[in-house]
Amino acid sequence: MDTLRSIALFVAAAFAEIGGAWLIWQGVREHRGLLWIGGGVVALGAYGFVATLQPDASFGRILAAYGGVFVAGSLLWGMVVDGFEPDRWDVSGALVCLVGVGLIMYAPRPA
């Protein structure tokens, strides 16, 4: 159950961080204004909070693993929201990152 909770938290954190960065991007680069930027700042703050809910107590481990989730999530966000078409190297790299997440977070360790 901890693994499922952890995965759900990674998904929620990815949505908040990637969404927040995208909102700020839209506010600044696409000139959509301060409300978009403010929404992005709030979403990024939510990411920071959600990350603290992970069952593992190691900040370094959580943040390192989240890096891999961020890579794959960013490509997926680009596909869904911006029409980005990843090539085989993008997909391969994201899969390598997700394998790394699995090793970092869920490999058996002595108690």
N, C-alpha and C. Protein backbone atom coordinates (compact mmCIF):
# COMPACT_ATOMS: atom_id res chain seq x y z
N MET A 1 0.82 -1.19 0.00
CA MET A 1 0.00 0.00 0.00
C MET A 1 0.86 1.26 0.00
N ASP A 2 2.00 1.22 0.71
CA ASP A 2 2.90 2.38 0.70
C ASP A 2 3.40 2.69 -0.71
N THR A 3 3.64 1.65 -1.51
CA THR A 3 4.13 1.87 -2.87
C THR A 3 3.06 2.57 -3.71
N LEU A 4 1.82 2.13 -3.62
CA LEU A 4 0.74 2.78 -4.38
C LEU A 4 0.55 4.23 -3.93
N ARG A 5 0.61 4.45 -2.62
CA ARG A 5 0.50 5.83 -2.10
C ARG A 5 1.65 6.68 -2.62
N SER A 6 2.84 6.13 -2.60
CA SER A 6 4.02 6.85 -3.07
C SER A 6 3.90 7.22 -4.55
N ILE A 7 3.45 6.28 -5.36
CA ILE A 7 3.28 6.54 -6.80
C ILE A 7 2.23 7.62 -7.02
N ALA A 8 1.11 7.54 -6.29
CA ALA A 8 0.07 8.57 -6.41
C ALA A 8 0.61 9.94 -6.02
N LEU A 9 1.44 9.99 -4.98
CA LEU A 9 2.02 11.27 -4.56
C LEU A 9 3.00 11.80 -5.62
N PHE A 10 3.76 10.91 -6.24
CA PHE A 10 4.65 11.35 -7.32
C PHE A 10 3.85 11.94 -8.48
N VAL A 11 2.74 11.32 -8.82
CA VAL A 11 1.89 11.83 -9.91
C VAL A 11 1.32 13.20 -9.53
N ALA A 12 0.83 13.32 -8.30
CA ALA A 12 0.29 14.61 -7.85
C ALA A 12 1.36 15.69 -7.82
N ALA A 13 2.54 15.33 -7.35
CA ALA A 13 3.64 16.30 -7.30
C ALA A 13 4.05 16.72 -8.70
N ALA A 14 4.10 15.77 -9.63
CA ALA A 14 4.47 16.09 -11.01
C ALA A 14 3.45 17.03 -11.63
N PHE A 15 2.18 16.75 -11.40
CA PHE A 15 1.14 17.61 -11.94
C PHE A 15 1.28 19.04 -11.40
N ALA A 16 1.53 19.15 -10.09
CA ALA A 16 1.66 20.48 -9.49
C ALA A 16 2.90 21.21 -9.99
N GLU A 17 4.04 20.52 -10.02
CA GLU A 17 5.27 21.22 -10.42
C GLU A 17 5.30 21.54 -11.91
N ILE A 18 4.99 20.56 -12.73
CA ILE A 18 5.02 20.80 -14.17
C ILE A 18 3.92 21.79 -14.55
N GLY A 19 2.74 21.63 -13.97
CA GLY A 19 1.66 22.57 -14.23
C GLY A 19 2.02 23.98 -13.77
N GLY A 20 2.64 24.09 -12.62
CA GLY A 20 3.05 25.41 -12.12
C GLY A 20 4.08 26.06 -13.02
N ALA A 21 5.07 25.29 -13.43
CA ALA A 21 6.08 25.85 -14.34
C ALA A 21 5.45 26.25 -15.67
N TRP A 22 4.51 25.43 -16.16
CA TRP A 22 3.83 25.75 -17.41
C TRP A 22 3.01 27.03 -17.28
N LEU A 23 2.32 27.20 -16.16
CA LEU A 23 1.54 28.42 -15.95
C LEU A 23 2.44 29.66 -15.95
N ILE A 24 3.57 29.56 -15.28
CA ILE A 24 4.51 30.70 -15.27
C ILE A 24 5.03 30.95 -16.68
N TRP A 25 5.37 29.88 -17.39
CA TRP A 25 5.81 30.01 -18.79
C TRP A 25 4.76 30.75 -19.61
N GLN A 26 3.51 30.34 -19.46
CA GLN A 26 2.43 30.99 -20.20
C GLN A 26 2.30 32.46 -19.81
N GLY A 27 2.40 32.73 -18.52
CA GLY A 27 2.28 34.11 -18.05
C GLY A 27 3.37 35.01 -18.58
N VAL A 28 4.59 34.50 -18.62
CA VAL A 28 5.75 35.31 -19.03
C VAL A 28 5.98 35.24 -20.54
N ARG A 29 6.18 34.03 -21.04
CA ARG A 29 6.57 33.87 -22.45
C ARG A 29 5.43 34.10 -23.43
N GLU A 30 4.22 33.78 -23.00
CA GLU A 30 3.06 33.95 -23.88
C GLU A 30 2.24 35.19 -23.51
N HIS A 31 2.77 35.98 -22.58
CA HIS A 31 2.17 37.27 -22.18
C HIS A 31 0.73 37.13 -21.71
N ARG A 32 0.46 36.10 -20.91
CA ARG A 32 -0.91 35.90 -20.42
C ARG A 32 -1.17 36.63 -19.11
N GLY A 33 -0.13 37.13 -18.46
CA GLY A 33 -0.34 38.00 -17.32
C GLY A 33 -0.05 37.43 -15.95
N LEU A 34 -0.27 38.30 -14.97
CA LEU A 34 0.09 38.00 -13.60
C LEU A 34 -0.78 36.91 -12.96
N LEU A 35 -2.03 36.78 -13.36
CA LEU A 35 -2.86 35.71 -12.80
C LEU A 35 -2.30 34.33 -13.13
N TRP A 36 -1.83 34.16 -14.34
CA TRP A 36 -1.21 32.90 -14.74
C TRP A 36 0.06 32.66 -13.92
N ILE A 37 0.86 33.70 -13.78
CA ILE A 37 2.10 33.58 -13.00
C ILE A 37 1.77 33.24 -11.55
N GLY A 38 0.80 33.95 -10.97
CA GLY A 38 0.40 33.68 -9.60
C GLY A 38 -0.11 32.26 -9.41
N GLY A 39 -0.90 31.78 -10.36
CA GLY A 39 -1.37 30.40 -10.30
C GLY A 39 -0.21 29.42 -10.34
N GLY A 40 0.79 29.74 -11.14
CA GLY A 40 1.98 28.89 -11.21
C GLY A 40 2.74 28.85 -9.90
N VAL A 41 2.86 30.00 -9.27
CA VAL A 41 3.55 30.07 -7.98
C VAL A 41 2.81 29.24 -6.93
N VAL A 42 1.50 29.34 -6.91
CA VAL A 42 0.69 28.53 -5.97
C VAL A 42 0.88 27.04 -6.26
N ALA A 43 0.84 26.65 -7.52
CA ALA A 43 1.01 25.24 -7.88
C ALA A 43 2.40 24.74 -7.49
N LEU A 44 3.42 25.55 -7.67
CA LEU A 44 4.77 25.14 -7.28
C LEU A 44 4.87 24.98 -5.77
N GLY A 45 4.19 25.84 -5.03
CA GLY A 45 4.14 25.67 -3.58
C GLY A 45 3.44 24.38 -3.19
N ALA A 46 2.38 24.05 -3.91
CA ALA A 46 1.67 22.79 -3.65
C ALA A 46 2.58 21.60 -3.90
N TYR A 47 3.40 21.68 -4.94
CA TYR A 47 4.36 20.60 -5.21
C TYR A 47 5.26 20.39 -4.00
N GLY A 48 5.81 21.48 -3.47
CA GLY A 48 6.69 21.36 -2.32
C GLY A 48 6.01 20.69 -1.13
N PHE A 49 4.75 20.99 -0.94
CA PHE A 49 4.00 20.38 0.16
C PHE A 49 3.73 18.90 -0.12
N VAL A 50 3.29 18.57 -1.31
CA VAL A 50 2.95 17.18 -1.65
C VAL A 50 4.19 16.28 -1.50
N ALA A 51 5.34 16.79 -1.87
CA ALA A 51 6.57 15.98 -1.75
C ALA A 51 6.83 15.56 -0.31
N THR A 52 6.44 16.37 0.65
CA THR A 52 6.68 16.03 2.06
C THR A 52 5.80 14.89 2.55
N LEU A 53 4.78 14.52 1.79
CA LEU A 53 3.86 13.47 2.20
C LEU A 53 4.35 12.07 1.83
N GLN A 54 5.47 11.97 1.12
CA GLN A 54 6.00 10.66 0.75
C GLN A 54 6.31 9.84 2.00
N PRO A 55 6.05 8.52 1.96
CA PRO A 55 6.30 7.67 3.13
C PRO A 55 7.78 7.59 3.53
N ASP A 56 8.69 7.68 2.57
CA ASP A 56 10.12 7.62 2.87
C ASP A 56 10.54 8.94 3.52
N ALA A 57 11.39 8.88 4.51
CA ALA A 57 11.78 10.08 5.26
C ALA A 57 13.03 10.76 4.70
N SER A 58 13.63 10.23 3.65
CA SER A 58 14.88 10.77 3.13
C SER A 58 14.61 11.82 2.05
N PHE A 59 14.88 13.07 2.38
CA PHE A 59 14.66 14.16 1.42
C PHE A 59 15.46 13.93 0.14
N GLY A 60 16.72 13.56 0.26
CA GLY A 60 17.56 13.35 -0.91
C GLY A 60 17.02 12.26 -1.82
N ARG A 61 16.56 11.17 -1.23
CA ARG A 61 16.02 10.06 -2.03
C ARG A 61 14.75 10.50 -2.75
N ILE A 62 13.86 11.18 -2.04
CA ILE A 62 12.59 11.62 -2.63
C ILE A 62 12.86 12.57 -3.79
N LEU A 63 13.72 13.55 -3.57
CA LEU A 63 13.98 14.54 -4.62
C LEU A 63 14.69 13.92 -5.81
N ALA A 64 15.63 13.01 -5.56
CA ALA A 64 16.33 12.34 -6.66
C ALA A 64 15.35 11.52 -7.49
N ALA A 65 14.50 10.76 -6.82
CA ALA A 65 13.52 9.95 -7.55
C ALA A 65 12.54 10.84 -8.30
N TYR A 66 12.13 11.93 -7.67
CA TYR A 66 11.19 12.82 -8.33
C TYR A 66 11.78 13.38 -9.62
N GLY A 67 13.11 13.55 -9.67
CA GLY A 67 13.74 14.03 -10.90
C GLY A 67 13.39 13.16 -12.09
N GLY A 68 13.38 11.85 -11.90
CA GLY A 68 13.01 10.94 -12.98
C GLY A 68 11.55 11.05 -13.36
N VAL A 69 10.70 11.22 -12.34
CA VAL A 69 9.28 11.41 -12.60
C VAL A 69 9.06 12.70 -13.38
N PHE A 70 9.81 13.74 -13.01
CA PHE A 70 9.70 15.03 -13.68
C PHE A 70 10.07 14.92 -15.16
N VAL A 71 11.12 14.18 -15.47
CA VAL A 71 11.53 14.00 -16.87
C VAL A 71 10.41 13.37 -17.68
N ALA A 72 9.90 12.24 -17.21
CA ALA A 72 8.84 11.55 -17.95
C ALA A 72 7.56 12.38 -17.98
N GLY A 73 7.22 12.98 -16.85
CA GLY A 73 6.01 13.79 -16.78
C GLY A 73 6.05 15.01 -17.67
N SER A 74 7.22 15.62 -17.79
CA SER A 74 7.35 16.80 -18.64
C SER A 74 7.12 16.45 -20.10
N LEU A 75 7.64 15.32 -20.53
CA LEU A 75 7.40 14.90 -21.92
C LEU A 75 5.92 14.60 -22.14
N LEU A 76 5.31 13.93 -21.17
CA LEU A 76 3.88 13.63 -21.28
C LEU A 76 3.05 14.91 -21.29
N TRP A 77 3.38 15.86 -20.42
CA TRP A 77 2.68 17.15 -20.39
C TRP A 77 2.80 17.84 -21.75
N GLY A 78 4.00 17.85 -22.30
CA GLY A 78 4.20 18.47 -23.60
C GLY A 78 3.36 17.83 -24.69
N MET A 79 3.22 16.51 -24.63
CA MET A 79 2.40 15.81 -25.61
C MET A 79 0.93 16.19 -25.48
N VAL A 80 0.43 16.18 -24.26
CA VAL A 80 -0.99 16.40 -24.03
C VAL A 80 -1.37 17.87 -24.19
N VAL A 81 -0.56 18.76 -23.65
CA VAL A 81 -0.94 20.18 -23.59
C VAL A 81 -0.43 20.98 -24.77
N ASP A 82 0.78 20.67 -25.23
CA ASP A 82 1.40 21.50 -26.27
C ASP A 82 1.55 20.82 -27.62
N GLY A 83 1.10 19.57 -27.74
CA GLY A 83 1.22 18.88 -29.02
C GLY A 83 2.63 18.44 -29.37
N PHE A 84 3.50 18.34 -28.37
CA PHE A 84 4.88 17.90 -28.57
C PHE A 84 4.91 16.44 -28.99
N GLU A 85 5.76 16.10 -29.94
CA GLU A 85 5.90 14.72 -30.39
C GLU A 85 7.30 14.22 -30.04
N PRO A 86 7.41 13.43 -28.96
CA PRO A 86 8.73 12.93 -28.58
C PRO A 86 9.26 11.93 -29.60
N ASP A 87 10.56 11.93 -29.76
CA ASP A 87 11.16 10.92 -30.63
C ASP A 87 11.57 9.71 -29.78
N ARG A 88 12.14 8.73 -30.42
CA ARG A 88 12.48 7.50 -29.70
C ARG A 88 13.50 7.73 -28.60
N TRP A 89 14.35 8.74 -28.78
CA TRP A 89 15.36 9.04 -27.75
C TRP A 89 14.72 9.70 -26.54
N ASP A 90 13.73 10.54 -26.76
CA ASP A 90 12.98 11.12 -25.64
C ASP A 90 12.31 10.01 -24.83
N VAL A 91 11.64 9.11 -25.54
CA VAL A 91 10.92 8.02 -24.87
C VAL A 91 11.90 7.10 -24.16
N SER A 92 12.99 6.74 -24.82
CA SER A 92 13.99 5.87 -24.20
C SER A 92 14.57 6.51 -22.95
N GLY A 93 14.91 7.78 -23.03
CA GLY A 93 15.46 8.48 -21.88
C GLY A 93 14.47 8.54 -20.72
N ALA A 94 13.21 8.78 -21.02
CA ALA A 94 12.19 8.82 -19.97
C ALA A 94 12.04 7.45 -19.31
N LEU A 95 12.08 6.39 -20.11
CA LEU A 95 11.97 5.04 -19.54
C LEU A 95 13.17 4.73 -18.64
N VAL A 96 14.36 5.13 -19.05
CA VAL A 96 15.55 4.95 -18.21
C VAL A 96 15.36 5.68 -16.88
N CYS A 97 14.86 6.90 -16.96
CA CYS A 97 14.61 7.67 -15.74
C CYS A 97 13.61 6.97 -14.82
N LEU A 98 12.54 6.43 -15.39
CA LEU A 98 11.54 5.75 -14.58
C LEU A 98 12.08 4.46 -13.95
N VAL A 99 12.96 3.77 -14.66
CA VAL A 99 13.63 2.60 -14.06
C VAL A 99 14.46 3.08 -12.87
N GLY A 100 15.15 4.20 -13.04
CA GLY A 100 15.92 4.77 -11.93
C GLY A 100 15.05 5.11 -10.74
N VAL A 101 13.88 5.67 -11.00
CA VAL A 101 12.94 5.98 -9.92
C VAL A 101 12.60 4.70 -9.16
N GLY A 102 12.30 3.64 -9.91
CA GLY A 102 11.96 2.37 -9.27
C GLY A 102 13.09 1.84 -8.40
N LEU A 103 14.30 1.94 -8.89
CA LEU A 103 15.45 1.47 -8.11
C LEU A 103 15.66 2.33 -6.86
N ILE A 104 15.60 3.62 -7.03
CA ILE A 104 15.83 4.53 -5.90
C ILE A 104 14.77 4.36 -4.82
N MET A 105 13.53 4.28 -5.22
CA MET A 105 12.43 4.29 -4.25
C MET A 105 12.02 2.93 -3.74
N TYR A 106 12.05 1.92 -4.61
CA TYR A 106 11.35 0.70 -4.26
C TYR A 106 12.23 -0.55 -4.21
N ALA A 107 13.54 -0.40 -4.39
CA ALA A 107 14.43 -1.55 -4.26
C ALA A 107 14.45 -2.02 -2.81
N PRO A 108 14.54 -3.32 -2.61
CA PRO A 108 14.57 -3.82 -1.22
C PRO A 108 15.83 -3.33 -0.49
N ARG A 109 15.63 -2.88 0.73
CA ARG A 109 16.73 -2.42 1.56
C ARG A 109 16.64 -3.08 2.92
N PRO A 110 17.79 -3.24 3.57
CA PRO A 110 17.72 -3.81 4.92
C PRO A 110 16.95 -2.88 5.86
N ALA A 111 16.20 -3.48 6.76
CA ALA A 111 15.36 -2.68 7.67
C ALA A 111 16.13 -1.99 8.74
